[in-house]
Amino acid sequence: MQRAYSVSQIQFDCLSYIKEFGARPEEWLVGTAEAPEPFLEVHGGAGGLAVPWLAKPALTPKAAQAVAAGLHRRYGVALAAPPPDGPRGRYVCLLRRPAG
């Protein structure tokens, strides 16, 4: 079984990642997904992996939603729309939005 992270650990990792790449929080996008790859394909622009990104599994989908909502509400990180045709996953996905 894959390791899962707490809400506070994922929030810390996301904020550290934003700081490491020197961008403002609003230049990033956060959301939840069943797996990181589809999220990156939809939101990552051409190729999906050309931008800095981070994916961390939370204990539950509800915990993942709490992380995404907290980063959006408290720090102004853009919030990705939930998938229209499926359940919300336990992965928190963070990526720098493509310029343009």
C-alpha atoms as a PDB file:
ATOM      1  CA  MET A   1       0.000   0.000   0.000  1.00  0.00           C
ATOM      2  CA  GLN A   2       1.212   3.459  -0.852  1.00  0.00           C
ATOM      3  CA  ARG A   3       1.999   5.860   1.938  1.00  0.00           C
ATOM      4  CA  ALA A   4      -0.543   8.585   2.715  1.00  0.00           C
ATOM      5  CA  TYR A   5       0.195  11.992   4.205  1.00  0.00           C
ATOM      6  CA  SER A   6      -1.619  14.135   6.754  1.00  0.00           C
ATOM      7  CA  VAL A   7      -3.393  17.356   5.855  1.00  0.00           C
ATOM      8  CA  SER A   8      -0.753  19.471   7.597  1.00  0.00           C
ATOM      9  CA  GLN A   9       2.150  17.633   5.909  1.00  0.00           C
ATOM     10  CA  ILE A  10       0.647  18.083   2.443  1.00  0.00           C
ATOM     11  CA  GLN A  11      -0.056  21.766   3.088  1.00  0.00           C
ATOM     12  CA  PHE A  12       3.526  22.272   4.266  1.00  0.00           C
ATOM     13  CA  ASP A  13       4.919  20.448   1.224  1.00  0.00           C
ATOM     14  CA  CYS A  14       2.771  22.483  -1.175  1.00  0.00           C
ATOM     15  CA  LEU A  15       3.742  25.802   0.381  1.00  0.00           C
ATOM     16  CA  SER A  16       7.408  24.787   0.420  1.00  0.00           C
ATOM     17  CA  TYR A  17       7.180  23.881  -3.261  1.00  0.00           C
ATOM     18  CA  ILE A  18       5.606  27.244  -4.133  1.00  0.00           C
ATOM     19  CA  LYS A  19       8.334  29.049  -2.203  1.00  0.00           C
ATOM     20  CA  GLU A  20      11.086  26.936  -3.775  1.00  0.00           C
ATOM     21  CA  PHE A  21      10.023  27.915  -7.276  1.00  0.00           C
ATOM     22  CA  GLY A  22       9.653  31.580  -6.345  1.00  0.00           C
ATOM     23  CA  ALA A  23       6.127  32.144  -7.595  1.00  0.00           C
ATOM     24  CA  ARG A  24       3.133  33.817  -6.028  1.00  0.00           C
ATOM     25  CA  PRO A  25       0.468  31.389  -4.756  1.00  0.00           C
ATOM     26  CA  GLU A  26      -2.104  32.664  -7.271  1.00  0.00           C
ATOM     27  CA  GLU A  27       0.187  31.449 -10.077  1.00  0.00           C
ATOM     28  CA  TRP A  28      -0.468  27.868  -8.957  1.00  0.00           C
ATOM     29  CA  LEU A  29      -3.421  25.504  -9.316  1.00  0.00           C
ATOM     30  CA  VAL A  30      -4.495  22.928  -6.734  1.00  0.00           C
ATOM     31  CA  GLY A  31      -7.061  20.182  -7.004  1.00  0.00           C
ATOM     32  CA  THR A  32      -7.841  16.610  -6.103  1.00  0.00           C
ATOM     33  CA  ALA A  33      -7.777  13.543  -8.312  1.00  0.00           C
ATOM     34  CA  GLU A  34      -7.948   9.755  -8.279  1.00  0.00           C
ATOM     35  CA  ALA A  35      -4.440   9.734  -9.787  1.00  0.00           C
ATOM     36  CA  PRO A  36      -2.048  12.579 -10.653  1.00  0.00           C
ATOM     37  CA  GLU A  37      -1.552  11.726 -14.339  1.00  0.00           C
ATOM     38  CA  PRO A  38      -5.081  12.599 -15.565  1.00  0.00           C
ATOM     39  CA  PHE A  39      -5.032  15.837 -13.547  1.00  0.00           C
ATOM     40  CA  LEU A  40      -1.721  16.831 -15.121  1.00  0.00           C
ATOM     41  CA  GLU A  41      -2.977  16.002 -18.608  1.00  0.00           C
ATOM     42  CA  VAL A  42      -6.063  18.180 -18.175  1.00  0.00           C
ATOM     43  CA  HIS A  43      -4.478  21.124 -16.365  1.00  0.00           C
ATOM     44  CA  GLY A  44      -0.778  20.955 -17.221  1.00  0.00           C
ATOM     45  CA  GLY A  45      -0.870  22.377 -20.723  1.00  0.00           C
ATOM     46  CA  ALA A  46       0.991  20.842 -23.624  1.00  0.00           C
ATOM     47  CA  GLY A  47       2.677  17.662 -22.475  1.00  0.00           C
ATOM     48  CA  GLY A  48       1.381  18.050 -18.933  1.00  0.00           C
ATOM     49  CA  LEU A  49       4.795  17.654 -17.326  1.00  0.00           C
ATOM     50  CA  ALA A  50       6.539  20.757 -18.646  1.00  0.00           C
ATOM     51  CA  VAL A  51       5.567  22.776 -15.562  1.00  0.00           C
ATOM     52  CA  PRO A  52       6.612  22.256 -11.938  1.00  0.00           C
ATOM     53  CA  TRP A  53       4.125  19.988 -10.205  1.00  0.00           C
ATOM     54  CA  LEU A  54       3.625  18.008  -7.019  1.00  0.00           C
ATOM     55  CA  ALA A  55       1.204  15.204  -6.121  1.00  0.00           C
ATOM     56  CA  LYS A  56       0.698  13.783  -2.634  1.00  0.00           C
ATOM     57  CA  PRO A  57      -1.791  11.135  -1.509  1.00  0.00           C
ATOM     58  CA  ALA A  58      -3.920  12.066   1.483  1.00  0.00           C
ATOM     59  CA  LEU A  59      -5.499   9.579   3.850  1.00  0.00           C
ATOM     60  CA  THR A  60      -8.967  10.094   2.362  1.00  0.00           C
ATOM     61  CA  PRO A  61     -10.614  12.103  -0.439  1.00  0.00           C
ATOM     62  CA  LYS A  62     -12.170  14.349   2.210  1.00  0.00           C
ATOM     63  CA  ALA A  63      -8.703  15.128   3.605  1.00  0.00           C
ATOM     64  CA  ALA A  64      -7.466  15.932   0.089  1.00  0.00           C
ATOM     65  CA  GLN A  65     -10.395  18.313  -0.399  1.00  0.00           C
ATOM     66  CA  ALA A  66      -9.567  20.009   2.907  1.00  0.00           C
ATOM     67  CA  VAL A  67      -5.995  20.640   1.747  1.00  0.00           C
ATOM     68  CA  ALA A  68      -7.086  22.085  -1.607  1.00  0.00           C
ATOM     69  CA  ALA A  69      -9.778  24.270  -0.018  1.00  0.00           C
ATOM     70  CA  GLY A  70      -7.374  25.520   2.652  1.00  0.00           C
ATOM     71  CA  LEU A  71      -4.674  26.471   0.148  1.00  0.00           C
ATOM     72  CA  HIS A  72      -7.268  28.306  -1.910  1.00  0.00           C
ATOM     73  CA  ARG A  73      -8.982  30.084   0.953  1.00  0.00           C
ATOM     74  CA  ARG A  74      -5.949  31.038   3.019  1.00  0.00           C
ATOM     75  CA  TYR A  75      -3.220  31.590   0.418  1.00  0.00           C
ATOM     76  CA  GLY A  76      -5.082  32.349  -2.821  1.00  0.00           C
ATOM     77  CA  VAL A  77      -3.944  29.294  -4.771  1.00  0.00           C
ATOM     78  CA  ALA A  78      -6.298  28.804  -7.732  1.00  0.00           C
ATOM     79  CA  LEU A  79      -8.709  25.921  -7.225  1.00  0.00           C
ATOM     80  CA  ALA A  80      -9.273  23.422 -10.034  1.00  0.00           C
ATOM     81  CA  ALA A  81     -12.843  22.407 -10.778  1.00  0.00           C
ATOM     82  CA  PRO A  82     -13.705  18.928  -9.483  1.00  0.00           C
ATOM     83  CA  PRO A  83     -14.054  16.168 -12.065  1.00  0.00           C
ATOM     84  CA  PRO A  84     -17.616  16.250 -13.430  1.00  0.00           C
ATOM     85  CA  ASP A  85     -17.974  12.540 -14.085  1.00  0.00           C
ATOM     86  CA  GLY A  86     -16.238  10.824 -11.230  1.00  0.00           C
ATOM     87  CA  PRO A  87     -15.450  10.716  -7.554  1.00  0.00           C
ATOM     88  CA  ARG A  88     -12.940  13.041  -6.016  1.00  0.00           C
ATOM     89  CA  GLY A  89      -9.694  11.294  -5.381  1.00  0.00           C
ATOM     90  CA  ARG A  90      -7.311  11.269  -2.466  1.00  0.00           C
ATOM     91  CA  TYR A  91      -4.405  12.852  -4.369  1.00  0.00           C
ATOM     92  CA  VAL A  92      -3.691  16.532  -3.874  1.00  0.00           C
ATOM     93  CA  CYS A  93      -2.209  17.849  -7.112  1.00  0.00           C
ATOM     94  CA  LEU A  94      -0.410  21.167  -7.294  1.00  0.00           C
ATOM     95  CA  LEU A  95       1.035  22.665 -10.439  1.00  0.00           C
ATOM     96  CA  ARG A  96       2.290  25.960 -11.662  1.00  0.00           C
ATOM     97  CA  ARG A  97      -0.148  27.279 -14.200  1.00  0.00           C
ATOM     98  CA  PRO A  98       1.258  27.638 -17.691  1.00  0.00           C
ATOM     99  CA  ALA A  99       1.966  31.231 -18.679  1.00  0.00           C
ATOM    100  CA  GLY A 100      -0.453  32.860 -21.062  1.00  0.00           C
END
